[in-house]
């Protein structure tokens, strides 16, 4: 048997079993990073969001203005 024949017989096994570990691990890490980024953004702007909620509850701003301002705060 020469080297070329051995390589072609391995087929998909040459890729290795690492993909069965690496792909799910990357998916889990990606989801965790996404969740962490959202929580970081929300906690970073929490004081501003609390003020907006309070103003909305008091009736100082209407729903449309409240939603617009929340989007503005979270966009930063």
Protein backbone atom coordinates (compact mmCIF):
# COMPACT_ATOMS: atom_id res chain seq x y z
CA UNK A 1 0.00 0.00 0.00
CA UNK A 2 1.35 3.39 -0.87
CA UNK A 3 0.63 6.64 1.00
CA UNK A 4 -1.96 7.97 -1.45
CA UNK A 5 -4.07 4.84 -1.17
CA UNK A 6 -3.98 4.99 2.66
CA UNK A 7 -5.07 8.65 2.71
CA UNK A 8 -7.98 8.07 0.37
CA UNK A 9 -9.21 5.12 2.44
CA UNK A 10 -9.46 7.27 5.57
CA UNK A 11 -12.06 9.56 3.98
CA UNK A 12 -14.11 11.49 6.52
CA UNK A 13 -12.09 10.10 9.44
CA UNK A 14 -9.20 12.37 8.54
CA UNK A 15 -11.30 15.31 9.73
CA UNK A 16 -11.20 13.86 13.24
CA UNK A 17 -13.60 13.57 16.13
CA UNK A 18 -12.69 17.03 17.37
CA UNK A 19 -15.52 18.54 15.36
CA UNK A 20 -18.05 16.72 17.54
CA UNK A 21 -16.64 18.57 20.53
CA UNK A 22 -15.60 21.86 18.94
CA UNK A 23 -18.85 22.75 17.18
CA UNK A 24 -21.19 22.31 20.20
CA UNK A 25 -18.66 24.07 22.39
CA UNK A 26 -18.52 27.05 20.03
CA UNK A 27 -22.32 27.20 19.89
CA UNK A 28 -22.59 27.21 23.69
CA UNK A 29 -19.88 29.86 24.02
CA UNK A 30 -21.57 31.98 21.36
CA UNK A 31 -24.93 31.82 23.11
CA UNK A 32 -23.33 32.63 26.45
CA UNK A 33 -21.52 35.61 24.95
CA UNK A 34 -24.72 36.87 23.36
CA UNK A 35 -26.63 36.60 26.64
CA UNK A 36 -23.79 38.26 28.53
CA UNK A 37 -23.62 41.14 26.08
CA UNK A 38 -27.36 41.80 26.39
CA UNK A 39 -27.24 41.72 30.18
CA UNK A 40 -24.24 44.04 30.16
CA UNK A 41 -26.04 46.55 27.94
CA UNK A 42 -29.18 46.47 30.03
CA UNK A 43 -27.35 46.77 33.37
CA UNK A 44 -25.15 49.54 31.99
CA UNK A 45 -28.20 51.63 31.14
CA UNK A 46 -30.36 50.56 34.07
CA UNK A 47 -30.45 53.96 35.85
CA UNK A 48 -31.66 55.67 32.66
CA UNK A 49 -34.28 52.97 32.09
CA UNK A 50 -35.48 53.30 35.69
CA UNK A 51 -35.93 57.04 35.21
CA UNK A 52 -37.89 56.47 32.00
CA UNK A 53 -40.13 53.88 33.68
CA UNK A 54 -40.81 56.29 36.51
CA UNK A 55 -41.65 59.15 34.14
CA UNK A 56 -43.95 56.88 32.15
CA UNK A 57 -45.65 55.66 35.32
CA UNK A 58 -46.22 59.27 36.46
CA UNK A 59 -47.74 60.12 33.09
CA UNK A 60 -45.06 62.64 32.19
CA UNK A 61 -44.45 60.90 28.84
CA UNK A 62 -46.76 58.84 26.66
CA UNK A 63 -46.13 55.27 25.48
CA UNK A 64 -44.80 56.29 22.07
CA UNK A 65 -42.28 58.71 23.57
CA UNK A 66 -41.31 56.12 26.23
CA UNK A 67 -40.58 53.42 23.63
CA UNK A 68 -38.62 55.89 21.49
CA UNK A 69 -36.50 56.96 24.44
CA UNK A 70 -35.86 53.35 25.55
CA UNK A 71 -34.65 52.51 22.05
CA UNK A 72 -32.38 55.57 22.13
CA UNK A 73 -30.88 54.57 25.49
CA UNK A 74 -30.25 50.97 24.43
CA UNK A 75 -28.75 52.03 21.09
CA UNK A 76 -25.82 53.78 22.78
